[in-house]
Structures are given as C-alpha cells and as structure tokens.
N, C-alpha and C. Protein backbone atom coordinates (compact mmCIF):
# COMPACT_ATOMS: atom_id res chain seq x y z
N MET A 1 0.85 -1.19 0.00
CA MET A 1 0.00 0.00 0.00
C MET A 1 0.88 1.24 0.00
N GLY A 2 0.84 2.02 -1.08
CA GLY A 2 1.66 3.21 -1.19
C GLY A 2 0.85 4.47 -0.97
N LEU A 3 1.51 5.59 -1.17
CA LEU A 3 0.85 6.88 -1.03
C LEU A 3 0.81 7.57 -2.38
N LYS A 4 -0.28 8.25 -2.66
CA LYS A 4 -0.44 8.96 -3.92
C LYS A 4 -0.76 10.42 -3.63
N GLU A 5 -0.01 11.32 -4.25
CA GLU A 5 -0.27 12.74 -4.04
C GLU A 5 -1.57 13.13 -4.72
N LYS A 6 -2.46 13.71 -3.93
CA LYS A 6 -3.76 14.13 -4.43
C LYS A 6 -3.69 15.56 -4.97
N THR A 7 -3.02 16.44 -4.21
CA THR A 7 -2.90 17.83 -4.64
C THR A 7 -1.75 18.51 -3.91
N VAL A 8 -1.19 19.53 -4.53
CA VAL A 8 -0.17 20.36 -3.89
C VAL A 8 -0.89 21.53 -3.24
N ILE A 9 -0.67 21.69 -1.95
CA ILE A 9 -1.34 22.75 -1.19
C ILE A 9 -0.50 24.03 -1.18
N MET A 10 0.81 23.85 -0.99
CA MET A 10 1.72 25.00 -0.94
C MET A 10 3.02 24.65 -1.64
N GLY A 11 3.53 25.60 -2.38
CA GLY A 11 4.85 25.46 -2.97
C GLY A 11 5.84 26.29 -2.18
N GLU A 12 7.04 26.41 -2.72
CA GLU A 12 8.11 27.14 -2.03
C GLU A 12 7.73 28.59 -1.71
N SER A 13 7.16 29.30 -2.67
CA SER A 13 6.84 30.72 -2.45
C SER A 13 5.71 30.89 -1.43
N GLU A 14 4.72 29.99 -1.44
CA GLU A 14 3.63 30.07 -0.46
C GLU A 14 4.13 29.78 0.95
N ILE A 15 5.04 28.83 1.09
CA ILE A 15 5.62 28.51 2.40
C ILE A 15 6.39 29.72 2.91
N LYS A 16 7.22 30.31 2.06
CA LYS A 16 8.02 31.49 2.44
C LYS A 16 7.10 32.63 2.86
N ARG A 17 6.08 32.91 2.06
CA ARG A 17 5.14 34.00 2.36
C ARG A 17 4.44 33.76 3.70
N SER A 18 4.04 32.53 3.97
CA SER A 18 3.38 32.20 5.23
C SER A 18 4.31 32.43 6.42
N LEU A 19 5.56 32.03 6.27
CA LEU A 19 6.52 32.21 7.36
C LEU A 19 6.83 33.68 7.62
N VAL A 20 6.91 34.48 6.57
CA VAL A 20 7.13 35.92 6.73
C VAL A 20 5.95 36.53 7.49
N ARG A 21 4.73 36.17 7.08
CA ARG A 21 3.53 36.69 7.76
C ARG A 21 3.50 36.26 9.21
N MET A 22 3.78 34.98 9.47
CA MET A 22 3.78 34.47 10.85
C MET A 22 4.83 35.18 11.70
N ALA A 23 5.99 35.45 11.13
CA ALA A 23 7.05 36.16 11.86
C ALA A 23 6.57 37.54 12.28
N HIS A 24 5.89 38.25 11.37
CA HIS A 24 5.33 39.57 11.70
C HIS A 24 4.28 39.46 12.81
N GLU A 25 3.43 38.44 12.72
CA GLU A 25 2.40 38.23 13.74
C GLU A 25 3.02 37.95 15.10
N ILE A 26 4.07 37.14 15.13
CA ILE A 26 4.75 36.81 16.39
C ILE A 26 5.33 38.07 17.03
N VAL A 27 6.01 38.88 16.23
CA VAL A 27 6.60 40.13 16.74
C VAL A 27 5.50 41.06 17.25
N GLU A 28 4.43 41.20 16.46
CA GLU A 28 3.34 42.10 16.85
C GLU A 28 2.65 41.65 18.13
N ARG A 29 2.28 40.38 18.22
CA ARG A 29 1.55 39.89 19.39
C ARG A 29 2.39 39.94 20.66
N ASN A 30 3.71 39.77 20.51
CA ASN A 30 4.60 39.79 21.67
C ASN A 30 5.20 41.17 21.93
N LYS A 31 4.74 42.17 21.19
CA LYS A 31 5.21 43.55 21.33
C LYS A 31 6.73 43.62 21.27
N GLY A 32 7.28 42.99 20.25
CA GLY A 32 8.72 42.93 20.07
C GLY A 32 9.24 41.54 20.35
N VAL A 33 10.54 41.46 20.66
CA VAL A 33 11.16 40.14 20.84
C VAL A 33 11.81 39.96 22.21
N GLN A 34 11.53 40.87 23.13
CA GLN A 34 12.08 40.76 24.48
C GLN A 34 11.65 39.43 25.11
N ASP A 35 12.62 38.64 25.57
CA ASP A 35 12.38 37.34 26.23
C ASP A 35 11.71 36.30 25.33
N LEU A 36 11.79 36.49 24.01
CA LEU A 36 11.17 35.57 23.07
C LEU A 36 12.17 34.48 22.66
N VAL A 37 11.72 33.23 22.68
CA VAL A 37 12.53 32.10 22.20
C VAL A 37 11.64 31.21 21.34
N LEU A 38 12.24 30.52 20.39
CA LEU A 38 11.51 29.58 19.55
C LEU A 38 12.03 28.18 19.84
N ILE A 39 11.11 27.22 19.93
CA ILE A 39 11.49 25.82 20.12
C ILE A 39 10.77 24.99 19.06
N GLY A 40 11.56 24.34 18.21
CA GLY A 40 11.00 23.52 17.15
C GLY A 40 10.89 22.07 17.57
N ILE A 41 9.76 21.45 17.23
CA ILE A 41 9.55 20.03 17.50
C ILE A 41 10.19 19.24 16.36
N ARG A 42 11.05 18.28 16.72
CA ARG A 42 11.72 17.46 15.71
C ARG A 42 10.70 16.80 14.80
N THR A 43 10.91 16.73 13.55
CA THR A 43 12.07 17.13 12.80
C THR A 43 11.79 18.44 12.07
N ARG A 44 10.71 18.51 11.34
CA ARG A 44 10.49 19.68 10.48
C ARG A 44 10.17 20.94 11.26
N GLY A 45 9.63 20.81 12.46
CA GLY A 45 9.38 21.99 13.29
C GLY A 45 10.64 22.75 13.63
N VAL A 46 11.75 22.03 13.73
CA VAL A 46 13.05 22.67 14.02
C VAL A 46 13.45 23.59 12.87
N TYR A 47 13.32 23.11 11.65
CA TYR A 47 13.71 23.92 10.49
C TYR A 47 12.76 25.09 10.27
N LEU A 48 11.48 24.88 10.57
CA LEU A 48 10.53 25.99 10.49
C LEU A 48 10.86 27.04 11.55
N ALA A 49 11.24 26.61 12.76
CA ALA A 49 11.63 27.55 13.82
C ALA A 49 12.86 28.36 13.40
N LEU A 50 13.83 27.69 12.79
CA LEU A 50 15.03 28.40 12.33
C LEU A 50 14.68 29.43 11.25
N ARG A 51 13.78 29.07 10.36
CA ARG A 51 13.36 30.01 9.31
C ARG A 51 12.60 31.19 9.91
N LEU A 52 11.72 30.90 10.89
CA LEU A 52 10.99 31.99 11.55
C LEU A 52 11.95 32.92 12.28
N ALA A 53 12.94 32.35 12.94
CA ALA A 53 13.94 33.16 13.66
C ALA A 53 14.68 34.08 12.67
N GLU A 54 14.98 33.55 11.50
CA GLU A 54 15.66 34.34 10.46
C GLU A 54 14.77 35.50 10.01
N GLU A 55 13.49 35.24 9.81
CA GLU A 55 12.56 36.29 9.39
C GLU A 55 12.37 37.32 10.49
N ILE A 56 12.27 36.88 11.73
CA ILE A 56 12.12 37.80 12.86
C ILE A 56 13.36 38.68 12.99
N GLN A 57 14.52 38.10 12.75
CA GLN A 57 15.76 38.88 12.81
C GLN A 57 15.76 39.98 11.74
N LYS A 58 15.22 39.69 10.57
CA LYS A 58 15.13 40.70 9.52
C LYS A 58 14.22 41.85 9.95
N ILE A 59 13.16 41.53 10.69
CA ILE A 59 12.19 42.54 11.12
C ILE A 59 12.75 43.37 12.28
N GLU A 60 13.28 42.70 13.29
CA GLU A 60 13.67 43.36 14.54
C GLU A 60 15.17 43.60 14.69
N ASN A 61 15.95 43.05 13.78
CA ASN A 61 17.41 43.17 13.83
C ASN A 61 17.99 42.61 15.14
N LYS A 62 17.36 41.56 15.65
CA LYS A 62 17.83 40.88 16.86
C LYS A 62 17.78 39.38 16.62
N GLU A 63 18.81 38.69 17.10
CA GLU A 63 18.85 37.24 16.97
C GLU A 63 17.95 36.60 18.01
N ILE A 64 17.15 35.64 17.59
CA ILE A 64 16.22 34.94 18.47
C ILE A 64 16.77 33.56 18.77
N PRO A 65 16.88 33.19 20.05
CA PRO A 65 17.36 31.84 20.38
C PRO A 65 16.38 30.78 19.88
N VAL A 66 16.94 29.69 19.33
CA VAL A 66 16.13 28.59 18.82
C VAL A 66 16.59 27.29 19.47
N GLY A 67 15.63 26.51 19.96
CA GLY A 67 15.92 25.21 20.55
C GLY A 67 15.27 24.10 19.76
N THR A 68 15.73 22.88 20.03
CA THR A 68 15.22 21.68 19.38
C THR A 68 14.63 20.76 20.45
N LEU A 69 13.40 20.31 20.22
CA LEU A 69 12.72 19.47 21.20
C LEU A 69 12.38 18.11 20.60
N ASP A 70 12.82 17.05 21.29
CA ASP A 70 12.42 15.70 20.91
C ASP A 70 11.38 15.24 21.92
N ILE A 71 10.19 14.88 21.46
CA ILE A 71 9.10 14.53 22.37
C ILE A 71 8.87 13.04 22.48
N THR A 72 9.74 12.24 21.91
CA THR A 72 9.54 10.79 21.83
C THR A 72 9.09 10.19 23.17
N LEU A 73 9.81 10.48 24.23
CA LEU A 73 9.51 9.86 25.53
C LEU A 73 8.27 10.45 26.20
N TYR A 74 7.72 11.51 25.64
CA TYR A 74 6.52 12.14 26.22
C TYR A 74 5.25 11.72 25.48
N ARG A 75 5.38 10.93 24.43
CA ARG A 75 4.22 10.53 23.64
C ARG A 75 3.30 9.62 24.45
N ASP A 76 1.99 9.78 24.27
CA ASP A 76 1.05 8.91 24.96
C ASP A 76 0.82 7.60 24.23
N ASP A 77 1.41 7.47 23.03
CA ASP A 77 1.27 6.24 22.26
C ASP A 77 2.63 5.56 22.07
N LEU A 78 3.56 5.81 22.98
CA LEU A 78 4.93 5.32 22.84
C LEU A 78 4.98 3.81 22.64
N SER A 79 4.17 3.08 23.37
CA SER A 79 4.19 1.62 23.25
C SER A 79 3.66 1.15 21.89
N LEU A 80 2.86 1.96 21.24
CA LEU A 80 2.32 1.60 19.92
C LEU A 80 3.29 1.95 18.79
N VAL A 81 4.20 2.89 19.05
CA VAL A 81 5.10 3.37 18.01
C VAL A 81 6.20 2.36 17.69
N ALA A 82 6.90 1.90 18.73
CA ALA A 82 8.01 0.96 18.51
C ALA A 82 8.43 0.35 19.83
N ARG A 83 8.99 -0.85 19.76
CA ARG A 83 9.49 -1.48 20.98
C ARG A 83 10.71 -0.74 21.51
N GLN A 84 11.56 -0.31 20.60
CA GLN A 84 12.75 0.47 20.95
C GLN A 84 12.68 1.81 20.22
N PRO A 85 11.95 2.79 20.77
CA PRO A 85 11.81 4.05 20.05
C PRO A 85 13.15 4.76 19.91
N LEU A 86 13.33 5.44 18.78
CA LEU A 86 14.53 6.20 18.53
C LEU A 86 14.39 7.55 19.22
N VAL A 87 15.20 7.79 20.22
CA VAL A 87 15.15 9.05 20.96
C VAL A 87 16.28 9.93 20.44
N LEU A 88 15.91 11.09 19.94
CA LEU A 88 16.89 12.03 19.44
C LEU A 88 17.13 13.10 20.50
N LYS A 89 18.07 13.94 20.26
CA LYS A 89 18.50 14.89 21.26
C LYS A 89 17.60 16.11 21.34
N THR A 90 17.29 16.52 22.57
CA THR A 90 16.67 17.81 22.81
C THR A 90 17.81 18.77 23.06
N GLU A 91 17.84 19.85 22.31
CA GLU A 91 18.90 20.84 22.47
C GLU A 91 18.27 22.21 22.68
N ILE A 92 18.20 22.61 23.93
CA ILE A 92 17.66 23.93 24.26
C ILE A 92 18.74 24.64 25.08
N PRO A 93 19.58 25.42 24.38
CA PRO A 93 20.74 26.04 25.02
C PRO A 93 20.42 27.33 25.79
N PHE A 94 19.21 27.41 26.31
CA PHE A 94 18.81 28.59 27.09
C PHE A 94 17.80 28.13 28.13
N ASP A 95 17.62 28.94 29.15
CA ASP A 95 16.65 28.65 30.20
C ASP A 95 15.28 29.10 29.70
N VAL A 96 14.27 28.25 29.83
CA VAL A 96 12.93 28.61 29.38
C VAL A 96 12.16 29.39 30.44
N ALA A 97 12.66 29.38 31.67
CA ALA A 97 11.97 30.08 32.77
C ALA A 97 11.82 31.56 32.44
N GLN A 98 10.60 32.05 32.62
CA GLN A 98 10.27 33.46 32.39
C GLN A 98 10.49 33.92 30.95
N LYS A 99 10.43 32.99 30.02
CA LYS A 99 10.56 33.32 28.60
C LYS A 99 9.19 33.19 27.92
N LYS A 100 9.04 33.91 26.81
CA LYS A 100 7.88 33.74 25.94
C LYS A 100 8.31 32.69 24.92
N VAL A 101 7.80 31.48 25.07
CA VAL A 101 8.19 30.37 24.21
C VAL A 101 7.19 30.24 23.07
N VAL A 102 7.70 30.22 21.84
CA VAL A 102 6.87 29.90 20.69
C VAL A 102 7.29 28.50 20.25
N LEU A 103 6.39 27.56 20.43
CA LEU A 103 6.59 26.18 20.03
C LEU A 103 6.23 26.08 18.56
N VAL A 104 7.09 25.45 17.75
CA VAL A 104 6.88 25.43 16.30
C VAL A 104 6.81 23.98 15.80
N ASP A 105 5.78 23.69 14.99
CA ASP A 105 5.65 22.37 14.37
C ASP A 105 5.14 22.55 12.95
N ASP A 106 5.23 21.47 12.17
CA ASP A 106 4.80 21.56 10.78
C ASP A 106 3.28 21.41 10.63
N VAL A 107 2.70 20.38 11.26
CA VAL A 107 1.26 20.11 11.10
C VAL A 107 0.61 19.94 12.46
N LEU A 108 -0.51 20.62 12.66
CA LEU A 108 -1.34 20.42 13.85
C LEU A 108 -2.51 19.55 13.44
N TYR A 109 -2.64 18.41 14.10
CA TYR A 109 -3.68 17.43 13.75
C TYR A 109 -4.52 17.16 15.00
N THR A 110 -4.22 16.11 15.74
CA THR A 110 -5.02 15.75 16.91
C THR A 110 -4.70 16.60 18.14
N GLY A 111 -3.50 17.16 18.18
CA GLY A 111 -3.07 17.93 19.34
C GLY A 111 -2.20 17.14 20.28
N ARG A 112 -2.04 15.84 20.04
CA ARG A 112 -1.28 14.99 20.95
C ARG A 112 0.22 15.29 20.94
N THR A 113 0.77 15.62 19.79
CA THR A 113 2.18 15.99 19.72
C THR A 113 2.43 17.26 20.53
N VAL A 114 1.54 18.22 20.40
CA VAL A 114 1.69 19.48 21.13
C VAL A 114 1.56 19.23 22.63
N ARG A 115 0.63 18.38 23.04
CA ARG A 115 0.49 18.07 24.47
C ARG A 115 1.78 17.48 25.01
N ALA A 116 2.39 16.57 24.26
CA ALA A 116 3.65 15.97 24.68
C ALA A 116 4.75 17.04 24.76
N ALA A 117 4.77 17.95 23.79
CA ALA A 117 5.77 19.02 23.79
C ALA A 117 5.59 19.96 24.99
N LEU A 118 4.35 20.25 25.33
CA LEU A 118 4.09 21.09 26.51
C LEU A 118 4.63 20.44 27.77
N ASP A 119 4.40 19.14 27.91
CA ASP A 119 4.94 18.40 29.07
C ASP A 119 6.46 18.49 29.11
N ALA A 120 7.09 18.30 27.95
CA ALA A 120 8.55 18.34 27.87
C ALA A 120 9.09 19.71 28.25
N ILE A 121 8.46 20.77 27.75
CA ILE A 121 8.91 22.13 28.06
C ILE A 121 8.74 22.42 29.55
N MET A 122 7.61 22.03 30.12
CA MET A 122 7.37 22.29 31.54
C MET A 122 8.37 21.57 32.43
N ASP A 123 8.90 20.46 31.95
CA ASP A 123 9.95 19.76 32.71
C ASP A 123 11.26 20.54 32.72
N LEU A 124 11.41 21.49 31.79
CA LEU A 124 12.64 22.28 31.69
C LEU A 124 12.57 23.57 32.51
N GLY A 125 11.38 23.97 32.90
CA GLY A 125 11.22 25.22 33.64
C GLY A 125 9.82 25.76 33.43
N ARG A 126 9.57 26.92 34.02
CA ARG A 126 8.24 27.53 33.91
C ARG A 126 8.31 28.79 33.05
N PRO A 127 7.91 28.66 31.77
CA PRO A 127 7.93 29.83 30.89
C PRO A 127 6.88 30.85 31.31
N LEU A 128 7.09 32.08 30.87
CA LEU A 128 6.11 33.13 31.09
C LEU A 128 4.83 32.78 30.35
N MET A 129 4.99 32.26 29.13
CA MET A 129 3.86 31.81 28.30
C MET A 129 4.39 30.88 27.23
N ILE A 130 3.49 30.06 26.69
CA ILE A 130 3.83 29.20 25.56
C ILE A 130 2.79 29.45 24.48
N GLN A 131 3.28 29.76 23.28
CA GLN A 131 2.42 29.97 22.13
C GLN A 131 2.75 28.89 21.11
N LEU A 132 1.84 28.65 20.18
CA LEU A 132 2.03 27.61 19.19
C LEU A 132 1.96 28.18 17.77
N ALA A 133 3.00 27.86 16.98
CA ALA A 133 3.03 28.24 15.57
C ALA A 133 3.11 26.97 14.73
N VAL A 134 2.21 26.83 13.76
CA VAL A 134 2.22 25.67 12.87
C VAL A 134 2.10 26.13 11.43
N LEU A 135 2.76 25.41 10.55
CA LEU A 135 2.65 25.73 9.13
C LEU A 135 1.26 25.36 8.62
N ILE A 136 0.76 24.18 9.04
CA ILE A 136 -0.54 23.68 8.58
C ILE A 136 -1.40 23.27 9.78
N ASP A 137 -2.65 23.73 9.80
CA ASP A 137 -3.63 23.24 10.77
C ASP A 137 -4.67 22.48 9.95
N ARG A 138 -4.73 21.16 10.17
CA ARG A 138 -5.63 20.33 9.36
C ARG A 138 -6.90 19.90 10.09
N GLY A 139 -7.08 20.37 11.34
CA GLY A 139 -8.30 20.03 12.07
C GLY A 139 -8.23 18.66 12.72
N HIS A 140 -9.37 18.13 13.11
CA HIS A 140 -9.53 16.81 13.72
C HIS A 140 -8.91 16.73 15.12
N ARG A 141 -9.04 17.79 15.91
CA ARG A 141 -8.46 17.82 17.23
C ARG A 141 -9.09 16.78 18.16
N GLU A 142 -8.25 16.14 18.96
CA GLU A 142 -8.69 15.21 20.01
C GLU A 142 -8.48 15.82 21.38
N LEU A 143 -7.73 16.90 21.44
CA LEU A 143 -7.45 17.61 22.69
C LEU A 143 -7.75 19.10 22.48
N PRO A 144 -8.07 19.82 23.55
CA PRO A 144 -8.42 21.24 23.39
C PRO A 144 -7.17 22.11 23.20
N ILE A 145 -6.58 21.99 22.02
CA ILE A 145 -5.35 22.72 21.69
C ILE A 145 -5.58 23.46 20.38
N ARG A 146 -5.14 24.72 20.34
CA ARG A 146 -5.25 25.50 19.11
C ARG A 146 -3.95 26.25 18.88
N ALA A 147 -3.67 26.56 17.63
CA ALA A 147 -2.46 27.30 17.29
C ALA A 147 -2.70 28.80 17.39
N ASP A 148 -1.67 29.52 17.81
CA ASP A 148 -1.72 30.98 17.86
C ASP A 148 -1.35 31.58 16.50
N TYR A 149 -0.47 30.88 15.77
CA TYR A 149 0.00 31.34 14.47
C TYR A 149 -0.12 30.18 13.49
N ILE A 150 -0.82 30.41 12.39
CA ILE A 150 -1.08 29.34 11.42
C ILE A 150 -0.69 29.81 10.02
N GLY A 151 0.12 29.00 9.35
CA GLY A 151 0.47 29.31 7.97
C GLY A 151 -0.72 29.14 7.06
N LYS A 152 -1.42 28.00 7.20
CA LYS A 152 -2.58 27.73 6.36
C LYS A 152 -3.48 26.70 7.03
N ASN A 153 -4.78 26.95 7.00
CA ASN A 153 -5.78 25.97 7.46
C ASN A 153 -6.16 25.11 6.27
N ILE A 154 -6.09 23.79 6.45
CA ILE A 154 -6.43 22.86 5.38
C ILE A 154 -7.50 21.89 5.90
N PRO A 155 -8.74 22.02 5.44
CA PRO A 155 -9.73 21.02 5.85
C PRO A 155 -9.39 19.68 5.19
N THR A 156 -9.31 18.64 5.97
CA THR A 156 -8.95 17.32 5.45
C THR A 156 -9.91 16.27 5.97
N SER A 157 -9.88 15.12 5.32
CA SER A 157 -10.56 13.95 5.88
C SER A 157 -9.51 13.18 6.67
N LYS A 158 -9.96 12.31 7.54
CA LYS A 158 -9.02 11.52 8.34
C LYS A 158 -8.24 10.53 7.49
N LYS A 159 -8.73 10.24 6.28
CA LYS A 159 -8.05 9.31 5.38
C LYS A 159 -6.89 9.98 4.65
N GLU A 160 -6.90 11.31 4.63
CA GLU A 160 -5.85 12.05 3.94
C GLU A 160 -4.67 12.31 4.87
N ILE A 161 -3.51 12.50 4.27
CA ILE A 161 -2.29 12.79 5.02
C ILE A 161 -1.72 14.08 4.46
N VAL A 162 -1.36 15.00 5.36
CA VAL A 162 -0.69 16.23 4.93
C VAL A 162 0.81 15.95 5.00
N LYS A 163 1.47 16.07 3.87
CA LYS A 163 2.90 15.78 3.79
C LYS A 163 3.67 17.08 3.57
N VAL A 164 4.41 17.48 4.61
CA VAL A 164 5.24 18.68 4.53
C VAL A 164 6.65 18.25 4.15
N GLN A 165 7.17 18.88 3.12
CA GLN A 165 8.55 18.61 2.69
C GLN A 165 9.31 19.93 2.77
N LEU A 166 10.50 19.87 3.40
CA LEU A 166 11.34 21.06 3.52
C LEU A 166 12.71 20.77 2.94
N LYS A 167 13.32 21.80 2.35
CA LYS A 167 14.62 21.65 1.71
C LYS A 167 15.66 21.01 2.62
N GLU A 168 15.66 21.38 3.89
CA GLU A 168 16.67 20.90 4.82
C GLU A 168 16.62 19.38 5.03
N VAL A 169 15.45 18.80 4.81
CA VAL A 169 15.26 17.36 5.03
C VAL A 169 15.00 16.63 3.70
N ASP A 170 14.15 17.22 2.87
CA ASP A 170 13.63 16.55 1.68
C ASP A 170 14.13 17.12 0.36
N ASN A 171 14.99 18.11 0.40
CA ASN A 171 15.55 18.78 -0.78
C ASN A 171 14.54 19.56 -1.62
N LEU A 172 13.33 19.81 -1.08
CA LEU A 172 12.38 20.70 -1.74
C LEU A 172 11.38 21.21 -0.71
N ASP A 173 10.80 22.36 -1.00
CA ASP A 173 9.77 22.95 -0.15
C ASP A 173 8.41 22.73 -0.80
N LYS A 174 7.57 21.95 -0.13
CA LYS A 174 6.25 21.65 -0.69
C LYS A 174 5.36 21.07 0.40
N VAL A 175 4.09 21.39 0.34
CA VAL A 175 3.09 20.76 1.19
C VAL A 175 2.07 20.12 0.25
N GLY A 176 1.88 18.83 0.44
CA GLY A 176 0.94 18.11 -0.41
C GLY A 176 -0.10 17.36 0.40
N LEU A 177 -1.22 17.10 -0.22
CA LEU A 177 -2.24 16.26 0.37
C LEU A 177 -2.11 14.89 -0.28
N VAL A 178 -1.94 13.89 0.55
CA VAL A 178 -1.64 12.54 0.08
C VAL A 178 -2.74 11.58 0.54
N VAL A 179 -3.06 10.60 -0.31
CA VAL A 179 -4.02 9.56 0.06
C VAL A 179 -3.35 8.20 -0.07
N LYS A 180 -3.83 7.26 0.71
CA LYS A 180 -3.28 5.90 0.64
C LYS A 180 -3.87 5.16 -0.54
N ASN A 181 -2.99 4.51 -1.30
CA ASN A 181 -3.47 3.64 -2.39
C ASN A 181 -3.95 2.34 -1.76
N THR A 182 -5.12 1.90 -2.16
CA THR A 182 -5.62 0.63 -1.60
C THR A 182 -5.73 -0.45 -2.64
C-alpha cells in the first residue's frame, strides 16, 4: 500500500510567504522580541523555527534563540510506536523560565504531539507563556489545543495525510495532500 499525491497545497513561495507573515504576527503579538525564544519540535518543526527566527531577525534586527525538542519519551502512544523508540537529542541552550516560548511544528492534527511538547517544556522550567506556531492546521483535534499562528488551514478527511517537505530534510519545499493507495 503506497501513497499517492492528491494535490499540492503550498509550494516554495507560499511557504516562504506564510513564514514571513507568521514572523510579523509573532513580533506584533509579543510587542517585540524581548524574552522571546523559539522551540521547534523534531524534525520539520526545528527547520521551520530556524526560518521563523531568520525572518524575525530581519524585522527586529535581533537574533532569536532557537531550541530543538524531541518529544519521543513524552508521547502517549509510545508503546504503539516501537518497541525500541529512537530518541533524538533535545537541544535547548537557554533557560525557558520566564521566557515567551513559541513552540513550532509543521502540522497540527489531533493535538497529541503538542500536548507531549508542553509536558517536555514544563519539565525544563516555567515559561512566562507558551504559544504555538504551525505551518498547517488540518483540524480533527482530540485535545483542546489550538495554534496561535497558522500558515494555512487545510480542511482534510481523516483518510488524507498532509505531507510537509522542507529543503533541509527533503531537498524541496512543498506541502501536499496525500491519500493511501488501496
């Protein structure tokens, strides 16, 4: 059973435009960048966080700290994922206490990944606030979680898969809607 691309939702220019807009929204809502940090959820959330930090730096002329969060051990479905889950490194080279944390991910779906990320961040300290930025919000929430910054809302069916591809990982920037071949 393979996957078949149904449609392209965003290309390189649409992704770039969304990130520029989101960067402006982040700066505006936080009244600047004082105490602002970005934390990307592995894997693609990290690269989106780095891109947002770059855009924010262009706006505010200040470098924004970026961290990497691995949520593997915080997942509520860990036993279903693998017998020996691959745990990657969390790299947050700053204290999150009293910071405005913007958590960054590629796709918001059920909310379970974000819940796990919130638990992981709270284990590191007590931020002033945590906000959520996602490139795609596809709906179908199972937990009461919503994004503060959204690149694009995509209504989907549960049978569809939103596939985000980024140059840093996949050698191209594209968001596609994929269906399973049966």
